[in-house]
Amino acid sequence: MSGDAITAIGAVLIASGVTTFAVFIAMLVPLNEWPVAATVPLAEGQWVTLDAAGPYMLRGDTGGQFTFVFLGLRYTLQAASGTEVVGFRPPNRSRGPNGVPLWRFIVPEPGSYYLRVWGLSDRDLTPFKLMFLRVLPFKGWGYVVGIVIGVACFIAGLIMLIA
């Protein structure tokens, strides 16, 4: 095979790899959204109804304002029977849609729960809300495979151009 043909094939592989990578990334990003199950105002204690069992992420809604109001707060969730729901602070690196996660709860069954916010003291809470986001399993593995194929095409094209 001549050098011009190898260069042309390498260029086509690079172009198709970059295109495949970009298309599959664009298709993967919307799959990462978590539906909002409930929104409540930021207050010391209130009832919230969750419609399904499973993991929930608690996130702060600032209304587009820059604020430190959520720093240093702790959250607990109790079932109507008085039993406390398992909750923990997620790692700082676990960012996702709708900002930084505040707390994560593993809800055992659907129903009404009492959300208690600790450490509010004398903060102005008027414009701020808390959102319960339903954590859904990842369903984009096909797109991840497409991304890997795009990267493989790009690397194969580079190798053909270099060799």
C-alpha atoms as a PDB file:
ATOM      1  CA  MET A   1       0.000   0.000   0.000  1.00  0.00           C
ATOM      2  CA  SER A   2       1.344   3.431  -0.851  1.00  0.00           C
ATOM      3  CA  GLY A   3       2.102   6.128   1.687  1.00  0.00           C
ATOM      4  CA  ASP A   4      -0.664   8.396   0.368  1.00  0.00           C
ATOM      5  CA  ALA A   5      -3.306   5.689   0.886  1.00  0.00           C
ATOM      6  CA  ILE A   6      -2.126   5.035   4.445  1.00  0.00           C
ATOM      7  CA  THR A   7      -2.188   8.783   5.179  1.00  0.00           C
ATOM      8  CA  ALA A   8      -5.732   9.052   3.794  1.00  0.00           C
ATOM      9  CA  ILE A   9      -6.940   6.069   5.831  1.00  0.00           C
ATOM     10  CA  GLY A  10      -5.274   7.515   8.958  1.00  0.00           C
ATOM     11  CA  ALA A  11      -6.942  10.896   8.408  1.00  0.00           C
ATOM     12  CA  VAL A  12     -10.349   9.236   7.933  1.00  0.00           C
ATOM     13  CA  LEU A  13      -9.843   7.186  11.116  1.00  0.00           C
ATOM     14  CA  ILE A  14      -8.910  10.293  13.092  1.00  0.00           C
ATOM     15  CA  ALA A  15     -11.911  12.237  11.776  1.00  0.00           C
ATOM     16  CA  SER A  16     -14.324   9.370  12.427  1.00  0.00           C
ATOM     17  CA  GLY A  17     -12.842   8.803  15.899  1.00  0.00           C
ATOM     18  CA  VAL A  18     -13.245  12.445  16.903  1.00  0.00           C
ATOM     19  CA  THR A  19     -16.782  12.569  15.476  1.00  0.00           C
ATOM     20  CA  THR A  20     -17.818   9.332  17.183  1.00  0.00           C
ATOM     21  CA  PHE A  21     -16.345  10.502  20.488  1.00  0.00           C
ATOM     22  CA  ALA A  22     -18.158  13.863  20.331  1.00  0.00           C
ATOM     23  CA  VAL A  23     -21.515  12.360  19.319  1.00  0.00           C
ATOM     24  CA  PHE A  24     -21.486   9.712  22.056  1.00  0.00           C
ATOM     25  CA  ILE A  25     -20.406  12.228  24.728  1.00  0.00           C
ATOM     26  CA  ALA A  26     -23.283  14.488  23.660  1.00  0.00           C
ATOM     27  CA  MET A  27     -25.694  11.546  23.945  1.00  0.00           C
ATOM     28  CA  LEU A  28     -24.288  10.440  27.312  1.00  0.00           C
ATOM     29  CA  VAL A  29     -24.542  13.765  29.156  1.00  0.00           C
ATOM     30  CA  PRO A  30     -28.402  13.914  29.335  1.00  0.00           C
ATOM     31  CA  LEU A  31     -28.499  10.402  30.831  1.00  0.00           C
ATOM     32  CA  ASN A  32     -26.777  11.717  33.965  1.00  0.00           C
ATOM     33  CA  GLU A  33     -29.782  13.795  35.053  1.00  0.00           C
ATOM     34  CA  TRP A  34     -31.560  12.759  38.215  1.00  0.00           C
ATOM     35  CA  PRO A  35     -35.256  13.583  38.576  1.00  0.00           C
ATOM     36  CA  VAL A  36     -36.296  15.904  41.403  1.00  0.00           C
ATOM     37  CA  ALA A  37     -38.574  13.914  43.719  1.00  0.00           C
ATOM     38  CA  ALA A  38     -39.412  16.742  46.148  1.00  0.00           C
ATOM     39  CA  THR A  39     -38.521  20.368  46.812  1.00  0.00           C
ATOM     40  CA  VAL A  40     -38.921  21.938  50.254  1.00  0.00           C
ATOM     41  CA  PRO A  41     -37.895  25.305  51.706  1.00  0.00           C
ATOM     42  CA  LEU A  42     -34.755  25.364  53.840  1.00  0.00           C
ATOM     43  CA  ALA A  43     -36.062  25.191  57.419  1.00  0.00           C
ATOM     44  CA  GLU A  44     -35.149  23.454  60.693  1.00  0.00           C
ATOM     45  CA  GLY A  45     -37.795  20.756  60.505  1.00  0.00           C
ATOM     46  CA  GLN A  46     -40.521  19.732  58.076  1.00  0.00           C
ATOM     47  CA  TRP A  47     -42.310  16.769  56.543  1.00  0.00           C
ATOM     48  CA  VAL A  48     -41.479  15.553  53.052  1.00  0.00           C
ATOM     49  CA  THR A  49     -43.175  12.787  51.056  1.00  0.00           C
ATOM     50  CA  LEU A  50     -40.976  10.466  48.994  1.00  0.00           C
ATOM     51  CA  ASP A  51     -42.757   8.248  46.496  1.00  0.00           C
ATOM     52  CA  ALA A  52     -40.242   5.395  46.125  1.00  0.00           C
ATOM     53  CA  ALA A  53     -37.680   3.476  48.156  1.00  0.00           C
ATOM     54  CA  GLY A  54     -33.993   3.744  47.304  1.00  0.00           C
ATOM     55  CA  PRO A  55     -31.158   6.261  47.353  1.00  0.00           C
ATOM     56  CA  TYR A  56     -31.871  10.016  47.314  1.00  0.00           C
ATOM     57  CA  MET A  57     -29.439  12.899  47.015  1.00  0.00           C
ATOM     58  CA  LEU A  58     -30.193  16.093  48.943  1.00  0.00           C
ATOM     59  CA  ARG A  59     -29.025  19.216  47.099  1.00  0.00           C
ATOM     60  CA  GLY A  60     -29.349  22.901  47.820  1.00  0.00           C
ATOM     61  CA  ASP A  61     -31.190  25.228  45.454  1.00  0.00           C
ATOM     62  CA  THR A  62     -29.771  28.731  45.753  1.00  0.00           C
ATOM     63  CA  GLY A  63     -31.917  30.294  43.072  1.00  0.00           C
ATOM     64  CA  GLY A  64     -28.808  31.267  41.127  1.00  0.00           C
ATOM     65  CA  GLN A  65     -27.213  33.191  44.006  1.00  0.00           C
ATOM     66  CA  PHE A  66     -23.699  32.639  45.316  1.00  0.00           C
ATOM     67  CA  THR A  67     -24.017  31.696  48.987  1.00  0.00           C
ATOM     68  CA  PHE A  68     -22.380  29.898  51.887  1.00  0.00           C
ATOM     69  CA  VAL A  69     -25.688  29.186  53.653  1.00  0.00           C
ATOM     70  CA  PHE A  70     -25.396  25.390  53.218  1.00  0.00           C
ATOM     71  CA  LEU A  71     -21.898  25.165  54.738  1.00  0.00           C
ATOM     72  CA  GLY A  72     -21.688  23.355  58.062  1.00  0.00           C
ATOM     73  CA  LEU A  73     -25.238  22.006  58.045  1.00  0.00           C
ATOM     74  CA  ARG A  74     -26.151  18.417  58.931  1.00  0.00           C
ATOM     75  CA  TYR A  75     -29.325  16.606  57.929  1.00  0.00           C
ATOM     76  CA  THR A  76     -31.349  13.763  59.405  1.00  0.00           C
ATOM     77  CA  LEU A  77     -34.417  12.030  58.034  1.00  0.00           C
ATOM     78  CA  GLN A  78     -36.901  10.165  60.233  1.00  0.00           C
ATOM     79  CA  ALA A  79     -39.777   7.920  59.196  1.00  0.00           C
ATOM     80  CA  ALA A  80     -43.230   8.561  60.646  1.00  0.00           C
ATOM     81  CA  SER A  81     -42.618   5.639  63.022  1.00  0.00           C
ATOM     82  CA  GLY A  82     -39.586   7.448  64.483  1.00  0.00           C
ATOM     83  CA  THR A  83     -36.860   5.272  62.974  1.00  0.00           C
ATOM     84  CA  GLU A  84     -33.970   7.203  61.507  1.00  0.00           C
ATOM     85  CA  VAL A  85     -33.095   6.714  57.834  1.00  0.00           C
ATOM     86  CA  VAL A  86     -29.498   5.902  56.933  1.00  0.00           C
ATOM     87  CA  GLY A  87     -27.853   9.125  55.793  1.00  0.00           C
ATOM     88  CA  PHE A  88     -24.313  10.267  55.108  1.00  0.00           C
ATOM     89  CA  ARG A  89     -22.342  13.092  53.554  1.00  0.00           C
ATOM     90  CA  PRO A  90     -21.202  12.084  50.061  1.00  0.00           C
ATOM     91  CA  PRO A  91     -17.537  12.538  49.129  1.00  0.00           C
ATOM     92  CA  ASN A  92     -16.625  16.064  48.004  1.00  0.00           C
ATOM     93  CA  ARG A  93     -15.561  14.878  44.578  1.00  0.00           C
ATOM     94  CA  SER A  94     -19.031  13.479  43.762  1.00  0.00           C
ATOM     95  CA  ARG A  95     -20.459  16.381  41.831  1.00  0.00           C
ATOM     96  CA  GLY A  96     -23.406  16.014  39.541  1.00  0.00           C
ATOM     97  CA  PRO A  97     -26.328  17.869  38.066  1.00  0.00           C
ATOM     98  CA  ASN A  98     -27.777  20.740  40.110  1.00  0.00           C
ATOM     99  CA  GLY A  99     -24.611  21.580  42.020  1.00  0.00           C
ATOM    100  CA  VAL A 100     -22.831  19.997  44.953  1.00  0.00           C
ATOM    101  CA  PRO A 101     -24.577  17.256  46.912  1.00  0.00           C
ATOM    102  CA  LEU A 102     -25.278  18.045  50.573  1.00  0.00           C
ATOM    103  CA  TRP A 103     -26.387  14.684  51.959  1.00  0.00           C
ATOM    104  CA  ARG A 104     -27.405  11.231  50.755  1.00  0.00           C
ATOM    105  CA  PHE A 105     -30.181   9.077  52.215  1.00  0.00           C
ATOM    106  CA  ILE A 106     -31.120   5.437  51.653  1.00  0.00           C
ATOM    107  CA  VAL A 107     -34.913   5.481  52.008  1.00  0.00           C
ATOM    108  CA  PRO A 108     -36.278   2.028  52.987  1.00  0.00           C
ATOM    109  CA  GLU A 109     -39.865   2.506  51.759  1.00  0.00           C
ATOM    110  CA  PRO A 110     -42.102   5.174  50.230  1.00  0.00           C
ATOM    111  CA  GLY A 111     -43.928   7.482  52.627  1.00  0.00           C
ATOM    112  CA  SER A 112     -43.689  10.647  54.694  1.00  0.00           C
ATOM    113  CA  TYR A 113     -40.434  11.531  56.417  1.00  0.00           C
ATOM    114  CA  TYR A 114     -39.402  14.284  58.805  1.00  0.00           C
ATOM    115  CA  LEU A 115     -36.367  16.214  57.577  1.00  0.00           C
ATOM    116  CA  ARG A 116     -34.357  17.932  60.289  1.00  0.00           C
ATOM    117  CA  VAL A 117     -31.627  20.462  59.420  1.00  0.00           C
ATOM    118  CA  TRP A 118     -28.999  20.984  62.123  1.00  0.00           C
ATOM    119  CA  GLY A 119     -26.887  24.130  62.480  1.00  0.00           C
ATOM    120  CA  LEU A 120     -29.111  26.776  60.890  1.00  0.00           C
ATOM    121  CA  SER A 121     -28.910  29.255  63.810  1.00  0.00           C
ATOM    122  CA  ASP A 122     -29.674  32.804  62.643  1.00  0.00           C
ATOM    123  CA  ARG A 123     -29.124  32.494  58.877  1.00  0.00           C
ATOM    124  CA  ASP A 124     -31.473  34.178  56.404  1.00  0.00           C
ATOM    125  CA  LEU A 125     -33.190  31.225  54.745  1.00  0.00           C
ATOM    126  CA  THR A 126     -35.906  32.909  52.695  1.00  0.00           C
ATOM    127  CA  PRO A 127     -34.773  32.293  49.110  1.00  0.00           C
ATOM    128  CA  PHE A 128     -33.174  28.872  49.590  1.00  0.00           C
ATOM    129  CA  LYS A 129     -34.648  25.411  49.030  1.00  0.00           C
ATOM    130  CA  LEU A 130     -33.654  21.779  49.421  1.00  0.00           C
ATOM    131  CA  MET A 131     -34.213  19.272  46.622  1.00  0.00           C
ATOM    132  CA  PHE A 132     -34.472  15.503  46.960  1.00  0.00           C
ATOM    133  CA  LEU A 133     -33.121  13.963  43.763  1.00  0.00           C
ATOM    134  CA  ARG A 134     -33.833  10.331  42.964  1.00  0.00           C
ATOM    135  CA  VAL A 135     -30.568   8.516  42.263  1.00  0.00           C
ATOM    136  CA  LEU A 136     -31.149   6.259  39.260  1.00  0.00           C
ATOM    137  CA  PRO A 137     -28.831   3.506  38.036  1.00  0.00           C
ATOM    138  CA  PHE A 138     -26.464   4.400  35.208  1.00  0.00           C
ATOM    139  CA  LYS A 139     -27.920   3.358  31.871  1.00  0.00           C
ATOM    140  CA  GLY A 140     -25.375   4.690  29.409  1.00  0.00           C
ATOM    141  CA  TRP A 141     -22.999   1.751  29.034  1.00  0.00           C
ATOM    142  CA  GLY A 142     -23.719   1.522  25.289  1.00  0.00           C
ATOM    143  CA  TYR A 143     -22.584   5.120  24.907  1.00  0.00           C
ATOM    144  CA  VAL A 144     -19.425   4.403  26.895  1.00  0.00           C
ATOM    145  CA  VAL A 145     -18.647   1.604  24.419  1.00  0.00           C
ATOM    146  CA  GLY A 146     -19.169   4.091  21.559  1.00  0.00           C
ATOM    147  CA  ILE A 147     -16.760   6.521  23.240  1.00  0.00           C
ATOM    148  CA  VAL A 148     -14.143   3.763  23.550  1.00  0.00           C
ATOM    149  CA  ILE A 149     -14.572   2.898  19.848  1.00  0.00           C
ATOM    150  CA  GLY A 150     -14.125   6.575  18.929  1.00  0.00           C
ATOM    151  CA  VAL A 151     -10.928   6.815  20.972  1.00  0.00           C
ATOM    152  CA  ALA A 152      -9.644   3.557  19.431  1.00  0.00           C
ATOM    153  CA  CYS A 153     -10.269   4.909  15.908  1.00  0.00           C
ATOM    154  CA  PHE A 154      -8.475   8.141  16.775  1.00  0.00           C
ATOM    155  CA  ILE A 155      -5.434   6.294  18.154  1.00  0.00           C
ATOM    156  CA  ALA A 156      -5.364   3.884  15.188  1.00  0.00           C
ATOM    157  CA  GLY A 157      -5.396   6.881  12.823  1.00  0.00           C
ATOM    158  CA  LEU A 158      -2.536   8.510  14.700  1.00  0.00           C
ATOM    159  CA  ILE A 159      -0.503   5.314  14.561  1.00  0.00           C
ATOM    160  CA  MET A 160      -1.098   5.052  10.808  1.00  0.00           C
ATOM    161  CA  LEU A 161       0.060   8.644  10.307  1.00  0.00           C
ATOM    162  CA  ILE A 162       3.154   8.214  12.481  1.00  0.00           C
ATOM    163  CA  ALA A 163       4.250   4.834  11.061  1.00  0.00           C
END
